């Protein structure tokens, strides 16, 4: 298709409107709706992989929209009552099909590219230190999905030329994407549908972990599936006989079968931890992932001081280094823990809200002396008793009882629980106080026993 044909098709078709509608809908969703794409370390402007995945997430409704708009485009000849006239011309039907599909594909890909470009500018402006190209296949598959959906819609509308075809296809595609929708409540995204079938959806799950990315077999399988979908759409646009239309379904079925064979059966091989992004970058005993290397400077001094203070209290039971956690986390699951490491999660509200060296040191000491054991929410973790025990441990080490910021428990509630325990605890001999702090730390690390009870009665796990 040359530029002259492209200009003519852009003037006489709904293709420009299709691109504009898709771009406007995506921007309205990302900018006007307050959602998880604006929160935590996995927000869509924080780093490259998160940006690519979040721009794929709206395909849960953008892809059905593209299918419906493609079907509307496919009805153009039928609406103008030119079908018989065009079939009598010497120009091959495949040329007309390529011009029609190519124009719509051009506008949809351009719209999606503008969305990704905007995200890329925001990521660069945020100063993301970890630059890589691993995000590019995620975005390329997203652009291919919009194109393939629109072309398939055109082909179906050419086969079934009815005014009801575009809305019926859009609604059907929307129901399909929601049926195959993946959720992120577990450590790794999962679906109510069989796992391999869920990967046929062009949309992705909500991004809760900035270190997770899609594996190569998923990219390959989805590419084959979408190429088959586009080939079937082009074939339906070009053929006219019932037998040829049945044969036109072959690429779609073959692409789907090949994709299902390539897709991993286990979610652990679908969403995988990016090894390069999760590599630890260290300054002495304080380490963060390469993806968040920019946070190392602010963490180095408070982290080193927290480790020193914990070693003075816990002795050889103290953590020897501070590492950023890289394990995928599920909502309601026990946080990752270690006997030798002080694990830091930048999405934890207590760490995220700590501003300045003094507050960050207190938060790290609290996390090190009594790492929380109870299941966590999206950004917060720990029971009220655990928060009270942490504040008491930090107060004993740093010299002042103070409620912890960033927990789900109000300061007055923390004070009401921690205050009486603190008074009784401080009335004990110094050696007994230290022994009970060690017992509290052991109970917290092993996730056995009541950490607050270890302070009140000295019970050891």
Protein backbone atom coordinates (compact mmCIF):
# COMPACT_ATOMS: atom_id res chain seq x y z
CA UNK A 1 0.00 0.00 0.00
CA UNK A 2 1.52 3.31 -1.12
CA UNK A 3 1.19 6.69 0.56
CA UNK A 4 -1.47 7.89 -1.88
CA UNK A 5 -3.77 4.99 -1.04
CA UNK A 6 -3.05 5.49 2.65
CA UNK A 7 -4.08 9.15 2.46
CA UNK A 8 -7.28 8.29 0.59
CA UNK A 9 -8.19 5.57 3.09
CA UNK A 10 -7.51 7.88 6.02
CA UNK A 11 -9.92 10.45 4.55
CA UNK A 12 -12.75 8.08 3.68
CA UNK A 13 -12.63 5.55 6.54
CA UNK A 14 -13.18 5.48 10.29
CA UNK A 15 -9.57 4.40 10.85
CA UNK A 16 -8.39 7.79 12.24
CA UNK A 17 -11.32 7.81 14.64
CA UNK A 18 -10.48 4.29 15.75
CA UNK A 19 -6.96 5.34 16.72
CA UNK A 20 -8.18 8.50 18.42
CA UNK A 21 -10.83 6.65 20.43
CA UNK A 22 -8.37 3.97 21.59
CA UNK A 23 -5.76 6.54 22.62
CA UNK A 24 -8.29 8.77 24.38
CA UNK A 25 -9.82 5.81 26.25
CA UNK A 26 -6.41 4.59 27.41
CA UNK A 27 -5.31 8.04 28.60
CA UNK A 28 -8.61 8.65 30.38
CA UNK A 29 -8.27 5.32 32.16
CA UNK A 30 -4.68 5.86 33.27
CA UNK A 31 -4.98 9.55 34.19
CA UNK A 32 -8.55 10.04 35.38
CA UNK A 33 -9.01 6.84 37.37
CA UNK A 34 -7.13 6.48 40.64
CA UNK A 35 -5.78 2.95 40.69
CA UNK A 36 -2.76 0.84 41.61
CA UNK A 37 -0.93 2.11 38.52
CA UNK A 38 -0.24 5.31 40.50
CA UNK A 39 0.89 3.62 43.73
CA UNK A 40 3.99 1.91 45.09
CA UNK A 41 7.14 0.81 43.34
CA UNK A 42 5.18 -0.80 40.47
CA UNK A 43 3.38 2.33 39.31
CA UNK A 44 3.29 2.78 35.55
CA UNK A 45 5.79 5.64 35.49
CA UNK A 46 8.34 4.06 37.86
CA UNK A 47 10.32 1.81 35.50
CA UNK A 48 10.22 0.26 32.05
CA UNK A 49 8.67 -3.15 32.66
CA UNK A 50 5.89 -1.74 34.85
CA UNK A 51 5.16 0.89 32.20
CA UNK A 52 4.86 -1.74 29.46
CA UNK A 53 2.64 -4.00 31.55
CA UNK A 54 0.36 -1.18 32.72
CA UNK A 55 -0.14 0.01 29.13
CA UNK A 56 -1.15 -3.57 28.27
CA UNK A 57 -3.57 -3.77 31.20
CA UNK A 58 -6.26 -1.51 29.59
CA UNK A 59 -6.48 -3.96 26.67
CA UNK A 60 -9.15 -5.66 28.74
CA UNK A 61 -11.49 -3.06 27.23
CA UNK A 62 -9.35 -1.53 24.46
CA UNK A 63 -9.09 -4.82 22.58
CA UNK A 64 -12.89 -5.34 22.43
CA UNK A 65 -13.15 -1.70 21.35
CA UNK A 66 -10.67 -2.33 18.54
CA UNK A 67 -12.61 -5.43 17.45
CA UNK A 68 -15.87 -3.46 17.33
CA UNK A 69 -14.32 -0.51 15.48
CA UNK A 70 -12.72 -2.90 13.00
CA UNK A 71 -16.11 -4.49 12.36
CA UNK A 72 -17.59 -1.04 11.76
CA UNK A 73 -14.87 -0.42 9.22
CA UNK A 74 -15.56 -3.78 7.60
CA UNK A 75 -19.18 -2.76 6.93
CA UNK A 76 -18.15 0.23 4.82
CA UNK A 77 -18.73 -1.38 1.42
CA UNK A 78 -21.99 -2.92 2.58
CA UNK A 79 -23.30 0.41 3.91
CA UNK A 80 -22.43 2.17 0.66
CA UNK A 81 -23.99 -0.68 -1.37
CA UNK A 82 -20.84 -1.02 -3.48
CA UNK A 83 -20.06 -4.69 -2.83
CA UNK A 84 -21.23 -5.94 -6.23
CA UNK A 85 -19.54 -3.07 -8.05
CA UNK A 86 -16.20 -3.74 -6.38
CA UNK A 87 -16.32 -7.45 -7.18
CA UNK A 88 -16.68 -6.59 -10.87
CA UNK A 89 -13.47 -4.56 -10.96
CA UNK A 90 -10.17 -6.14 -12.11
CA UNK A 91 -8.36 -5.16 -8.90
CA UNK A 92 -7.81 -8.29 -6.75
CA UNK A 93 -9.85 -8.48 -3.57
CA UNK A 94 -6.72 -9.06 -1.52
CA UNK A 95 -5.43 -5.62 -2.55
CA UNK A 96 -8.59 -3.94 -1.28
CA UNK A 97 -8.40 -6.02 1.90
CA UNK A 98 -4.77 -5.01 2.47
CA UNK A 99 -5.57 -1.32 1.99
CA UNK A 100 -8.52 -1.44 4.38
CA UNK A 101 -6.70 -3.46 7.05
CA UNK A 102 -3.41 -1.63 6.66
CA UNK A 103 -4.94 1.78 7.27
CA UNK A 104 -6.71 0.71 10.44
CA UNK A 105 -3.61 -1.14 11.64
CA UNK A 106 -1.54 1.99 11.04
CA UNK A 107 -3.78 4.21 13.15
CA UNK A 108 -4.18 1.71 15.99
CA UNK A 109 -0.45 0.98 16.18
CA UNK A 110 0.25 4.72 16.10
CA UNK A 111 -2.21 5.33 18.94
CA UNK A 112 -0.69 2.57 21.08
CA UNK A 113 2.83 3.77 20.24
CA UNK A 114 1.91 7.28 21.42
CA UNK A 115 0.63 5.82 24.68
CA UNK A 116 3.87 3.87 25.20
CA UNK A 117 5.93 6.91 24.19
CA UNK A 118 4.16 9.00 26.81
CA UNK A 119 4.91 6.34 29.41
CA UNK A 120 8.54 6.19 28.29
CA UNK A 121 8.90 9.95 28.69
CA UNK A 122 7.45 9.73 32.20
CA UNK A 123 9.84 6.89 33.10
CA UNK A 124 12.82 8.87 31.80
CA UNK A 125 11.66 11.94 33.71
CA UNK A 126 11.45 9.85 36.88
CA UNK A 127 15.09 8.89 36.42
CA UNK A 128 14.69 5.10 36.35
CA UNK A 129 18.27 3.81 36.75
CA UNK A 130 17.67 0.37 35.25
CA UNK A 131 17.41 0.77 31.48
CA UNK A 132 16.81 -2.32 29.34
CA UNK A 133 14.90 -3.56 26.30
CA UNK A 134 13.13 -6.45 28.01
CA UNK A 135 9.94 -4.38 28.12
CA UNK A 136 9.79 -3.99 24.33
CA UNK A 137 8.22 -7.42 23.50
CA UNK A 138 5.43 -6.67 25.99
CA UNK A 139 4.51 -3.49 24.11
CA UNK A 140 4.96 -5.00 20.64
CA UNK A 141 2.52 -7.80 21.47
CA UNK A 142 0.06 -5.18 22.75
CA UNK A 143 0.22 -3.27 19.45
CA UNK A 144 -0.17 -6.53 17.52
CA UNK A 145 -3.22 -7.43 19.62
CA UNK A 146 -5.04 -4.22 18.69
CA UNK A 147 -4.22 -4.73 15.00
CA UNK A 148 -5.22 -8.39 14.95
CA UNK A 149 -8.48 -7.72 16.80
CA UNK A 150 -9.45 -4.93 14.40
CA UNK A 151 -8.61 -6.99 11.29
CA UNK A 152 -10.57 -9.97 12.62
CA UNK A 153 -13.51 -7.67 13.28
CA UNK A 154 -13.35 -6.42 9.68
CA UNK A 155 -13.32 -9.94 8.32
CA UNK A 156 -16.26 -11.10 10.43
CA UNK A 157 -18.26 -7.98 9.49
CA UNK A 158 -17.55 -8.59 5.79
CA UNK A 159 -18.78 -12.17 6.25
CA UNK A 160 -21.84 -11.21 8.31
CA UNK A 161 -22.77 -7.73 7.01
CA UNK A 162 -25.25 -6.63 9.66
CA UNK A 163 -25.57 -3.46 11.71
CA UNK A 164 -25.60 -5.70 14.79
CA UNK A 165 -22.21 -7.25 14.02
CA UNK A 166 -19.95 -4.49 15.46
CA UNK A 167 -21.71 -4.21 18.85
CA UNK A 168 -22.12 -7.99 19.09
CA UNK A 169 -18.41 -8.54 18.43
CA UNK A 170 -17.37 -5.82 20.88
CA UNK A 171 -19.56 -7.23 23.65
CA UNK A 172 -18.43 -10.79 22.91
CA UNK A 173 -14.77 -9.79 22.97
CA UNK A 174 -15.28 -7.90 26.24
CA UNK A 175 -16.94 -10.92 27.85
CA UNK A 176 -14.10 -13.13 26.61
CA UNK A 177 -11.35 -10.92 28.02
CA UNK A 178 -13.12 -10.77 31.37
CA UNK A 179 -13.66 -14.53 31.40
CA UNK A 180 -9.95 -15.02 30.83
CA UNK A 181 -8.98 -12.17 33.15
CA UNK A 182 -6.00 -12.75 35.44
CA UNK A 183 -5.99 -11.48 39.02
CA UNK A 184 -3.03 -10.53 41.20
CA UNK A 185 -4.20 -11.52 44.67
CA UNK A 186 -1.82 -14.47 44.72
CA UNK A 187 1.96 -14.25 44.66
CA UNK A 188 1.77 -14.79 40.89
CA UNK A 189 -1.20 -13.73 38.73
CA UNK A 190 -3.80 -16.44 38.21
CA UNK A 191 -7.13 -16.87 36.45
CA UNK A 192 -10.38 -18.68 37.12
CA UNK A 193 -10.09 -20.13 33.61
CA UNK A 194 -7.48 -22.78 32.81
CA UNK A 195 -4.09 -21.11 32.92
CA UNK A 196 -3.09 -21.71 29.30
CA UNK A 197 -6.45 -20.46 28.03
CA UNK A 198 -6.15 -17.29 30.11
CA UNK A 199 -2.97 -16.39 28.21
CA UNK A 200 -4.96 -16.09 24.99
CA UNK A 201 -6.24 -12.79 26.35
CA UNK A 202 -4.12 -9.84 25.17
CA UNK A 203 -4.59 -8.08 28.53
CA UNK A 204 -2.32 -8.71 31.52
CA UNK A 205 -2.97 -8.81 35.25
CA UNK A 206 -2.60 -5.85 37.58
CA UNK A 207 1.06 -5.11 38.21
CA UNK A 208 1.82 -5.54 41.91
CA UNK A 209 5.47 -6.57 41.63
CA UNK A 210 7.88 -4.36 39.72
CA UNK A 211 10.38 -7.20 39.33
CA UNK A 212 7.97 -9.54 37.52
CA UNK A 213 7.91 -9.80 33.74
CA UNK A 214 6.39 -12.14 31.14
CA UNK A 215 8.49 -15.07 30.00
CA UNK A 216 9.66 -15.66 26.43
CA UNK A 217 7.26 -18.61 25.73
CA UNK A 218 4.33 -16.32 26.57
CA UNK A 219 5.55 -13.70 24.07
CA UNK A 220 6.04 -16.33 21.36
CA UNK A 221 2.70 -18.03 21.97
CA UNK A 222 0.73 -14.79 21.99
CA UNK A 223 2.50 -13.60 18.84
CA UNK A 224 1.55 -16.78 16.95
CA UNK A 225 -2.04 -16.58 18.21
CA UNK A 226 -2.42 -12.95 17.17
CA UNK A 227 -0.75 -13.47 13.79
CA UNK A 228 -3.17 -16.31 13.12
CA UNK A 229 -6.04 -14.04 14.13
CA UNK A 230 -4.87 -11.32 11.74
CA UNK A 231 -4.37 -13.80 8.90
CA UNK A 232 -7.91 -15.11 9.36
CA UNK A 233 -9.28 -11.58 9.34
CA UNK A 234 -7.43 -10.75 6.10
CA UNK A 235 -8.60 -13.97 4.49
CA UNK A 236 -12.24 -13.29 5.41
CA UNK A 237 -11.91 -9.84 3.86
CA UNK A 238 -10.62 -11.27 0.57
CA UNK A 239 -12.70 -14.42 0.00
CA UNK A 240 -16.35 -14.73 -0.97
CA UNK A 241 -17.41 -18.40 -1.06
CA UNK A 242 -18.60 -20.34 2.02
CA UNK A 243 -15.89 -22.97 1.55
CA UNK A 244 -13.15 -20.34 1.36
CA UNK A 245 -14.48 -18.70 4.51
CA UNK A 246 -14.26 -21.97 6.36
CA UNK A 247 -10.70 -22.45 5.16
CA UNK A 248 -9.94 -18.91 6.31
CA UNK A 249 -10.38 -20.09 9.90
CA UNK A 250 -7.31 -22.32 9.57
CA UNK A 251 -4.71 -19.70 10.59
CA UNK A 252 -6.77 -18.75 13.65
CA UNK A 253 -7.11 -22.35 14.80
CA UNK A 254 -3.49 -23.20 13.99
CA UNK A 255 -2.22 -20.12 15.80
CA UNK A 256 -4.35 -20.90 18.83
CA UNK A 257 -3.19 -24.52 18.95
CA UNK A 258 0.48 -23.53 18.61
CA UNK A 259 0.07 -20.90 21.31
CA UNK A 260 -1.51 -23.34 23.76
CA UNK A 261 1.39 -25.73 23.20
CA UNK A 262 3.93 -22.98 23.85
CA UNK A 263 2.24 -21.41 26.86
CA UNK A 264 3.62 -22.57 30.24
CA UNK A 265 1.25 -24.70 32.28
CA UNK A 266 2.55 -23.24 35.54
CA UNK A 267 2.09 -19.57 36.52
CA UNK A 268 5.63 -19.69 37.94
CA UNK A 269 6.91 -19.98 34.37
CA UNK A 270 4.57 -17.30 33.04
CA UNK A 271 5.33 -14.34 35.26
CA UNK A 272 8.99 -14.64 36.18
CA UNK A 273 11.33 -12.52 38.24
CA UNK A 274 13.61 -10.45 36.03
CA UNK A 275 17.02 -11.73 37.10
CA UNK A 276 18.92 -8.70 35.87
CA UNK A 277 16.54 -6.25 37.57
CA UNK A 278 16.52 -8.21 40.84
CA UNK A 279 20.33 -8.53 41.10
CA UNK A 280 21.53 -7.01 44.37
CA UNK A 281 23.67 -3.85 44.20
CA UNK A 282 25.51 -3.28 47.48
CA UNK A 283 27.36 -0.67 49.47
CA UNK A 284 28.90 -2.68 52.28
CA UNK A 285 26.20 -4.76 53.98
CA UNK A 286 23.33 -2.67 52.53
CA UNK A 287 21.93 -3.97 49.23
CA UNK A 288 19.04 -3.06 46.94
CA UNK A 289 17.96 -4.46 43.59
CA UNK A 290 19.42 -3.03 40.42
CA UNK A 291 15.96 -1.78 39.46
CA UNK A 292 15.99 0.51 42.51
CA UNK A 293 19.68 1.32 42.66
CA UNK A 294 18.80 5.00 43.09
CA UNK A 295 17.45 4.20 46.57
CA UNK A 296 20.81 2.86 47.74
CA UNK A 297 22.26 6.26 48.66
CA UNK A 298 19.38 7.12 51.00
CA UNK A 299 19.39 3.64 52.54
CA UNK A 300 23.13 3.17 53.06
CA UNK A 301 23.69 5.25 56.22
CA UNK A 302 20.41 4.40 58.03
CA UNK A 303 20.77 0.74 57.05
CA UNK A 304 24.32 0.48 58.34
CA UNK A 305 23.34 2.22 61.58
CA UNK A 306 20.32 -0.07 62.06
CA UNK A 307 22.48 -3.17 61.57
CA UNK A 308 25.00 -1.88 64.12
CA UNK A 309 22.30 -1.15 66.71
CA UNK A 310 20.68 -4.54 66.21
CA UNK A 311 24.05 -6.27 66.61
CA UNK A 312 24.58 -4.49 69.94
CA UNK A 313 21.28 -5.89 71.24
CA UNK A 314 20.98 -9.29 69.57
CA UNK A 315 24.62 -10.28 69.31
CA UNK A 316 25.20 -13.21 66.98
CA UNK A 317 21.44 -13.49 66.36
CA UNK A 318 21.37 -10.11 64.65
CA UNK A 319 21.03 -9.82 60.87
CA UNK A 320 24.40 -9.39 59.20
CA UNK A 321 23.19 -7.51 56.10
CA UNK A 322 20.23 -5.58 54.73
CA UNK A 323 18.73 -6.77 51.44
CA UNK A 324 15.73 -5.64 49.44
CA UNK A 325 13.27 -8.51 49.20
CA UNK A 326 12.69 -9.95 45.73
CA UNK A 327 10.16 -12.70 46.48
CA UNK A 328 6.72 -12.18 44.88
CA UNK A 329 4.17 -11.47 47.58
CA UNK A 330 0.52 -12.42 47.81
CA UNK A 331 -2.12 -10.32 49.52
CA UNK A 332 -2.79 -11.99 52.86
CA UNK A 333 0.40 -14.06 52.80
CA UNK A 334 3.17 -14.13 55.39
CA UNK A 335 5.98 -11.77 54.34
CA UNK A 336 9.35 -13.20 53.42
CA UNK A 337 11.68 -13.58 56.38
CA UNK A 338 15.29 -14.49 57.07
CA UNK A 339 17.38 -15.18 60.17
CA UNK A 340 20.51 -13.66 58.66
CA UNK A 341 19.13 -10.72 56.67
CA UNK A 342 17.11 -7.63 57.43
CA UNK A 343 14.69 -7.72 54.49
CA UNK A 344 13.31 -4.43 53.21
CA UNK A 345 10.21 -4.03 51.06
CA UNK A 346 9.90 -0.53 49.64
CA UNK A 347 6.15 -1.08 49.23
CA UNK A 348 5.79 -1.59 52.99
CA UNK A 349 4.05 1.50 54.34
CA UNK A 350 6.41 1.78 57.32
CA UNK A 351 9.46 1.96 55.04
CA UNK A 352 7.81 4.01 52.30
CA UNK A 353 6.60 6.71 54.72
CA UNK A 354 9.94 7.09 56.56
CA UNK A 355 11.53 10.40 55.55
CA UNK A 356 14.98 11.36 56.71
CA UNK A 357 17.77 9.28 58.21
CA UNK A 358 16.37 9.29 61.76
CA UNK A 359 12.90 8.02 60.81
CA UNK A 360 14.27 5.50 58.34
CA UNK A 361 16.71 4.15 60.94
CA UNK A 362 13.83 3.74 63.43
CA UNK A 363 11.73 1.92 60.83
CA UNK A 364 14.61 -0.41 59.93
CA UNK A 365 15.39 -1.12 63.59
CA UNK A 366 11.72 -1.91 64.23
CA UNK A 367 11.60 -4.25 61.24
CA UNK A 368 14.86 -5.91 62.25
CA UNK A 369 14.02 -6.45 65.91
CA UNK A 370 10.57 -7.91 65.20
CA UNK A 371 9.85 -8.67 61.53
CA UNK A 372 6.10 -8.98 61.10
CA UNK A 373 4.64 -12.44 60.71
CA UNK A 374 0.95 -11.85 60.12
CA UNK A 375 -0.47 -11.69 56.58
CA UNK A 376 -0.12 -8.42 54.76
CA UNK A 377 -2.35 -6.20 52.64
CA UNK A 378 -1.26 -4.39 49.49
CA UNK A 379 1.01 -1.94 51.29
CA UNK A 380 0.82 -2.65 55.01
CA UNK A 381 1.38 -5.58 57.28
CA UNK A 382 1.30 -6.71 60.86
CA UNK A 383 -1.22 -6.80 63.67
CA UNK A 384 -1.63 -4.07 66.29
CA UNK A 385 0.31 -6.23 68.77
CA UNK A 386 3.18 -6.62 66.31
CA UNK A 387 3.26 -2.86 65.70
CA UNK A 388 3.32 -2.26 69.48
CA UNK A 389 6.15 -4.79 69.93
CA UNK A 390 8.14 -3.16 67.13
CA UNK A 391 7.71 0.30 68.66
CA UNK A 392 8.84 -1.00 72.07
CA UNK A 393 11.90 -2.70 70.57
CA UNK A 394 12.83 0.44 68.62
CA UNK A 395 12.25 2.59 71.72
CA UNK A 396 14.54 0.43 73.87
CA UNK A 397 17.29 0.71 71.28
CA UNK A 398 16.81 4.36 70.31
CA UNK A 399 15.64 5.74 73.63
CA UNK A 400 12.09 7.02 73.03
CA UNK A 401 8.72 5.25 72.79
CA UNK A 402 7.06 6.52 69.68
CA UNK A 403 4.24 5.09 67.49
CA UNK A 404 5.43 3.82 64.14
CA UNK A 405 4.39 5.71 61.01
CA UNK A 406 3.03 3.97 57.92
CA UNK A 407 1.26 1.08 59.62
CA UNK A 408 -2.47 0.43 59.32
CA UNK A 409 -2.87 1.16 63.04
CA UNK A 410 -3.48 4.65 64.38
CA UNK A 411 -0.92 6.18 66.73
CA UNK A 412 -3.43 6.32 69.60
CA UNK A 413 -4.18 2.62 69.25
CA UNK A 414 -0.48 1.75 69.21
CA UNK A 415 0.11 3.88 72.29
CA UNK A 416 -2.81 2.28 74.14
CA UNK A 417 -1.33 -1.19 73.64
CA UNK A 418 2.38 -0.37 73.88
CA UNK A 419 2.24 2.08 76.81
CA UNK A 420 1.33 -0.32 79.66
CA UNK A 421 3.69 -2.99 78.35
CA UNK A 422 6.51 -0.44 78.08
CA UNK A 423 6.10 0.69 81.69
CA UNK A 424 6.24 -2.87 83.05
CA UNK A 425 9.07 -3.78 80.70
CA UNK A 426 11.25 -0.83 81.75
CA UNK A 427 10.77 -1.74 85.43
CA UNK A 428 12.74 -4.96 84.82
CA UNK A 429 16.52 -5.25 85.24
CA UNK A 430 18.52 -4.29 82.18
CA UNK A 431 19.77 -7.81 81.56
CA UNK A 432 16.21 -9.19 81.69
CA UNK A 433 15.05 -6.52 79.23
CA UNK A 434 17.70 -7.57 76.77
CA UNK A 435 16.84 -11.27 77.22
CA UNK A 436 13.20 -10.59 76.50
CA UNK A 437 14.05 -8.56 73.41
CA UNK A 438 16.08 -11.51 72.12
CA UNK A 439 13.12 -13.80 72.85
CA UNK A 440 10.78 -11.44 71.00
CA UNK A 441 13.12 -11.39 68.00
CA UNK A 442 13.31 -15.20 67.95
CA UNK A 443 9.50 -15.47 68.11
CA UNK A 444 9.10 -13.00 65.25
CA UNK A 445 11.71 -14.57 62.98
CA UNK A 446 10.39 -18.09 63.51
CA UNK A 447 6.79 -16.86 63.20
CA UNK A 448 5.89 -18.83 66.33
CA UNK A 449 4.46 -17.47 69.52
CA UNK A 450 3.21 -14.03 70.53
CA UNK A 451 5.86 -11.32 70.17
CA UNK A 452 4.19 -9.06 72.71
CA UNK A 453 3.92 -11.92 75.20
CA UNK A 454 7.67 -12.41 74.91
CA UNK A 455 8.09 -8.91 76.33
CA UNK A 456 5.50 -9.26 79.11
CA UNK A 457 6.33 -12.72 80.43
CA UNK A 458 9.65 -13.54 78.76
CA UNK A 459 8.25 -16.60 76.98
CA UNK A 460 10.62 -18.00 74.36
CA UNK A 461 9.48 -19.92 71.27
